N, C-alpha and C. Protein backbone atom coordinates (compact mmCIF):
# COMPACT_ATOMS: atom_id res chain seq x y z
N MET A 1 11.14 26.88 -9.32
CA MET A 1 10.11 25.94 -8.92
C MET A 1 9.17 26.68 -7.97
N THR A 2 7.92 26.74 -8.37
CA THR A 2 6.95 27.48 -7.58
C THR A 2 6.38 26.60 -6.47
N PRO A 3 5.82 27.22 -5.47
CA PRO A 3 5.19 26.42 -4.39
C PRO A 3 4.05 25.53 -4.91
N GLU A 4 3.34 26.00 -5.92
CA GLU A 4 2.25 25.18 -6.48
C GLU A 4 2.79 23.91 -7.12
N THR A 5 3.94 24.03 -7.78
CA THR A 5 4.55 22.87 -8.42
C THR A 5 5.00 21.86 -7.37
N VAL A 6 5.59 22.35 -6.30
CA VAL A 6 6.03 21.46 -5.23
C VAL A 6 4.84 20.76 -4.61
N LEU A 7 3.76 21.51 -4.38
CA LEU A 7 2.56 20.90 -3.80
C LEU A 7 1.93 19.87 -4.74
N THR A 8 1.97 20.13 -6.03
CA THR A 8 1.43 19.17 -7.00
C THR A 8 2.24 17.89 -7.00
N VAL A 9 3.55 18.01 -7.00
CA VAL A 9 4.42 16.82 -6.97
C VAL A 9 4.20 16.04 -5.68
N MET A 10 4.12 16.74 -4.57
CA MET A 10 3.90 16.06 -3.29
C MET A 10 2.53 15.38 -3.25
N GLN A 11 1.51 16.02 -3.82
CA GLN A 11 0.19 15.42 -3.86
C GLN A 11 0.19 14.15 -4.69
N GLN A 12 0.84 14.18 -5.84
CA GLN A 12 0.92 12.98 -6.67
C GLN A 12 1.70 11.88 -5.97
N THR A 13 2.76 12.25 -5.26
CA THR A 13 3.55 11.26 -4.52
C THR A 13 2.72 10.62 -3.42
N LEU A 14 1.98 11.44 -2.68
CA LEU A 14 1.13 10.89 -1.61
C LEU A 14 0.01 10.02 -2.16
N GLU A 15 -0.50 10.35 -3.34
CA GLU A 15 -1.53 9.51 -3.96
C GLU A 15 -0.97 8.12 -4.31
N VAL A 16 0.24 8.09 -4.86
CA VAL A 16 0.87 6.81 -5.21
C VAL A 16 1.14 5.99 -3.95
N ILE A 17 1.68 6.64 -2.92
CA ILE A 17 1.98 5.94 -1.66
C ILE A 17 0.71 5.41 -1.03
N THR A 18 -0.35 6.23 -1.02
CA THR A 18 -1.62 5.79 -0.44
C THR A 18 -2.18 4.60 -1.18
N LEU A 19 -2.11 4.62 -2.48
CA LEU A 19 -2.60 3.50 -3.27
C LEU A 19 -1.82 2.22 -2.98
N LEU A 20 -0.52 2.33 -2.85
CA LEU A 20 0.31 1.16 -2.54
C LEU A 20 0.00 0.62 -1.15
N ILE A 21 -0.19 1.50 -0.20
CA ILE A 21 -0.46 1.06 1.17
C ILE A 21 -1.83 0.41 1.28
N VAL A 22 -2.82 1.00 0.61
CA VAL A 22 -4.18 0.46 0.68
C VAL A 22 -4.24 -0.96 0.12
N VAL A 23 -3.51 -1.18 -0.96
CA VAL A 23 -3.51 -2.51 -1.58
C VAL A 23 -2.98 -3.57 -0.61
N ILE A 24 -2.05 -3.19 0.24
CA ILE A 24 -1.49 -4.15 1.20
C ILE A 24 -2.33 -4.23 2.47
N LEU A 25 -2.79 -3.10 2.97
CA LEU A 25 -3.44 -3.07 4.28
C LEU A 25 -4.87 -3.62 4.30
N ILE A 26 -5.66 -3.34 3.28
CA ILE A 26 -7.06 -3.76 3.28
C ILE A 26 -7.19 -5.28 3.39
N PRO A 27 -6.48 -6.08 2.57
CA PRO A 27 -6.60 -7.54 2.76
C PRO A 27 -6.12 -8.01 4.14
N ALA A 28 -5.07 -7.38 4.68
CA ALA A 28 -4.60 -7.76 6.01
C ALA A 28 -5.63 -7.42 7.07
N LEU A 29 -6.29 -6.28 6.93
CA LEU A 29 -7.33 -5.91 7.88
C LEU A 29 -8.52 -6.85 7.80
N ILE A 30 -8.88 -7.27 6.60
CA ILE A 30 -9.99 -8.21 6.44
C ILE A 30 -9.64 -9.56 7.05
N ALA A 31 -8.41 -10.01 6.83
CA ALA A 31 -7.96 -11.27 7.43
C ALA A 31 -7.98 -11.18 8.96
N GLY A 32 -7.52 -10.06 9.50
CA GLY A 32 -7.55 -9.88 10.95
C GLY A 32 -8.96 -9.86 11.49
N LEU A 33 -9.88 -9.24 10.76
CA LEU A 33 -11.27 -9.22 11.19
C LEU A 33 -11.88 -10.61 11.19
N LEU A 34 -11.60 -11.39 10.14
CA LEU A 34 -12.13 -12.75 10.08
C LEU A 34 -11.56 -13.62 11.20
N VAL A 35 -10.28 -13.49 11.47
CA VAL A 35 -9.68 -14.27 12.56
C VAL A 35 -10.25 -13.83 13.90
N SER A 36 -10.47 -12.53 14.07
CA SER A 36 -11.06 -12.03 15.32
C SER A 36 -12.48 -12.54 15.51
N MET A 37 -13.25 -12.61 14.43
CA MET A 37 -14.60 -13.15 14.53
C MET A 37 -14.56 -14.63 14.88
N PHE A 38 -13.61 -15.37 14.30
CA PHE A 38 -13.45 -16.78 14.63
C PHE A 38 -13.06 -16.95 16.10
N GLN A 39 -12.16 -16.09 16.57
CA GLN A 39 -11.74 -16.17 17.97
C GLN A 39 -12.89 -15.84 18.90
N ALA A 40 -13.71 -14.87 18.54
CA ALA A 40 -14.85 -14.52 19.38
C ALA A 40 -15.88 -15.64 19.40
N ALA A 41 -16.06 -16.31 18.26
CA ALA A 41 -17.05 -17.38 18.20
C ALA A 41 -16.60 -18.62 18.96
N THR A 42 -15.31 -18.87 19.00
CA THR A 42 -14.81 -20.08 19.65
C THR A 42 -14.21 -19.81 21.03
N SER A 43 -14.22 -18.56 21.46
CA SER A 43 -13.66 -18.16 22.76
C SER A 43 -12.18 -18.49 22.89
N ILE A 44 -11.46 -18.45 21.79
CA ILE A 44 -10.01 -18.63 21.82
C ILE A 44 -9.40 -17.23 21.98
N ASN A 45 -8.64 -17.03 23.02
CA ASN A 45 -8.07 -15.72 23.30
C ASN A 45 -6.57 -15.67 23.07
N GLU A 46 -6.10 -16.31 22.05
CA GLU A 46 -4.68 -16.31 21.73
C GLU A 46 -4.40 -15.13 20.80
N GLN A 47 -3.59 -14.18 21.25
CA GLN A 47 -3.33 -12.99 20.45
C GLN A 47 -2.40 -13.25 19.28
N THR A 48 -1.58 -14.26 19.38
CA THR A 48 -0.66 -14.54 18.28
C THR A 48 -1.33 -15.29 17.14
N LEU A 49 -2.55 -15.76 17.35
CA LEU A 49 -3.25 -16.51 16.31
C LEU A 49 -3.54 -15.66 15.08
N SER A 50 -3.79 -14.38 15.26
CA SER A 50 -4.11 -13.54 14.11
C SER A 50 -2.88 -13.10 13.33
N PHE A 51 -1.70 -13.29 13.89
CA PHE A 51 -0.48 -12.83 13.23
C PHE A 51 -0.18 -13.63 11.96
N ILE A 52 -0.25 -14.95 12.05
CA ILE A 52 0.11 -15.82 10.91
C ILE A 52 -0.82 -15.61 9.71
N PRO A 53 -2.16 -15.60 9.89
CA PRO A 53 -3.01 -15.35 8.71
C PRO A 53 -2.76 -13.99 8.07
N LYS A 54 -2.56 -12.96 8.89
CA LYS A 54 -2.29 -11.63 8.32
C LYS A 54 -0.96 -11.63 7.58
N LEU A 55 0.04 -12.30 8.11
CA LEU A 55 1.33 -12.39 7.43
C LEU A 55 1.20 -13.12 6.10
N LEU A 56 0.47 -14.23 6.10
CA LEU A 56 0.30 -15.00 4.87
C LEU A 56 -0.49 -14.22 3.82
N VAL A 57 -1.52 -13.51 4.26
CA VAL A 57 -2.31 -12.70 3.32
C VAL A 57 -1.45 -11.58 2.74
N THR A 58 -0.65 -10.95 3.58
CA THR A 58 0.22 -9.87 3.11
C THR A 58 1.23 -10.38 2.10
N ILE A 59 1.83 -11.54 2.38
CA ILE A 59 2.78 -12.13 1.43
C ILE A 59 2.09 -12.49 0.13
N LEU A 60 0.89 -13.05 0.22
CA LEU A 60 0.13 -13.41 -0.98
C LEU A 60 -0.21 -12.17 -1.81
N VAL A 61 -0.63 -11.12 -1.14
CA VAL A 61 -0.96 -9.88 -1.85
C VAL A 61 0.29 -9.31 -2.52
N LEU A 62 1.42 -9.34 -1.83
CA LEU A 62 2.65 -8.84 -2.43
C LEU A 62 3.07 -9.69 -3.64
N MET A 63 2.83 -10.98 -3.57
CA MET A 63 3.16 -11.84 -4.71
C MET A 63 2.25 -11.56 -5.90
N VAL A 64 0.96 -11.35 -5.62
CA VAL A 64 -0.01 -11.14 -6.70
C VAL A 64 0.08 -9.71 -7.25
N ALA A 65 0.12 -8.73 -6.35
CA ALA A 65 0.08 -7.33 -6.78
C ALA A 65 1.46 -6.70 -6.91
N GLY A 66 2.50 -7.44 -6.59
CA GLY A 66 3.85 -6.91 -6.64
C GLY A 66 4.25 -6.34 -7.99
N PRO A 67 4.04 -7.07 -9.08
CA PRO A 67 4.41 -6.52 -10.39
C PRO A 67 3.66 -5.23 -10.72
N TRP A 68 2.37 -5.19 -10.37
CA TRP A 68 1.60 -3.97 -10.61
C TRP A 68 2.12 -2.82 -9.76
N MET A 69 2.44 -3.09 -8.51
CA MET A 69 2.96 -2.06 -7.62
C MET A 69 4.31 -1.54 -8.12
N LEU A 70 5.15 -2.46 -8.58
CA LEU A 70 6.45 -2.06 -9.11
C LEU A 70 6.30 -1.21 -10.36
N SER A 71 5.38 -1.59 -11.25
CA SER A 71 5.17 -0.79 -12.46
C SER A 71 4.59 0.58 -12.12
N LEU A 72 3.75 0.65 -11.10
CA LEU A 72 3.19 1.94 -10.68
C LEU A 72 4.29 2.88 -10.19
N VAL A 73 5.17 2.37 -9.34
CA VAL A 73 6.26 3.18 -8.83
C VAL A 73 7.24 3.54 -9.95
N THR A 74 7.53 2.60 -10.83
CA THR A 74 8.45 2.85 -11.93
C THR A 74 7.89 3.90 -12.88
N ASN A 75 6.61 3.78 -13.23
CA ASN A 75 6.00 4.77 -14.13
C ASN A 75 5.98 6.15 -13.50
N TYR A 76 5.68 6.22 -12.22
CA TYR A 76 5.68 7.52 -11.54
C TYR A 76 7.09 8.13 -11.54
N THR A 77 8.08 7.31 -11.25
CA THR A 77 9.46 7.81 -11.21
C THR A 77 9.91 8.29 -12.58
N VAL A 78 9.58 7.53 -13.62
CA VAL A 78 9.95 7.93 -14.99
C VAL A 78 9.27 9.24 -15.36
N ARG A 79 7.97 9.37 -15.04
CA ARG A 79 7.26 10.62 -15.32
C ARG A 79 7.89 11.79 -14.58
N LEU A 80 8.27 11.55 -13.32
CA LEU A 80 8.89 12.60 -12.52
C LEU A 80 10.22 13.03 -13.12
N PHE A 81 11.05 12.06 -13.52
CA PHE A 81 12.33 12.39 -14.13
C PHE A 81 12.15 13.10 -15.47
N GLU A 82 11.15 12.69 -16.25
CA GLU A 82 10.92 13.32 -17.54
C GLU A 82 10.44 14.76 -17.37
N ASN A 83 9.75 15.03 -16.26
CA ASN A 83 9.21 16.37 -16.04
C ASN A 83 10.16 17.31 -15.31
N ILE A 84 11.35 16.86 -14.99
CA ILE A 84 12.29 17.71 -14.25
C ILE A 84 12.60 19.01 -15.00
N PRO A 85 12.83 19.00 -16.32
CA PRO A 85 13.09 20.28 -16.99
C PRO A 85 11.90 21.24 -16.90
N TYR A 86 10.69 20.72 -16.95
CA TYR A 86 9.51 21.57 -16.87
C TYR A 86 9.26 22.06 -15.44
N LEU A 87 9.62 21.21 -14.47
CA LEU A 87 9.41 21.58 -13.07
C LEU A 87 10.39 22.67 -12.63
N ILE A 88 11.61 22.59 -13.14
CA ILE A 88 12.62 23.58 -12.76
C ILE A 88 12.30 24.94 -13.38
N GLY A 89 11.78 24.88 -14.59
CA GLY A 89 11.32 26.14 -15.18
C GLY A 89 12.20 26.63 -16.25
């Protein structure tokens, strides 16, 4: 296994992980921003107020995008296992 092969596998792994994280984090960040704007407009300074909407959005995103995320990880793992003979050399 050459260093280039290891770097390629690691790059593909990081791409999959980044894609999975972005799908979860972006909606939570948008929800937090909207709640923060609401708090600024109404002068409500409760820090725990933003927790519940972000939690609900994250759960909703996991429910909606969960099957896609699972298939992405499964397909990557299957490809990785299928390529083991070629990676070893």
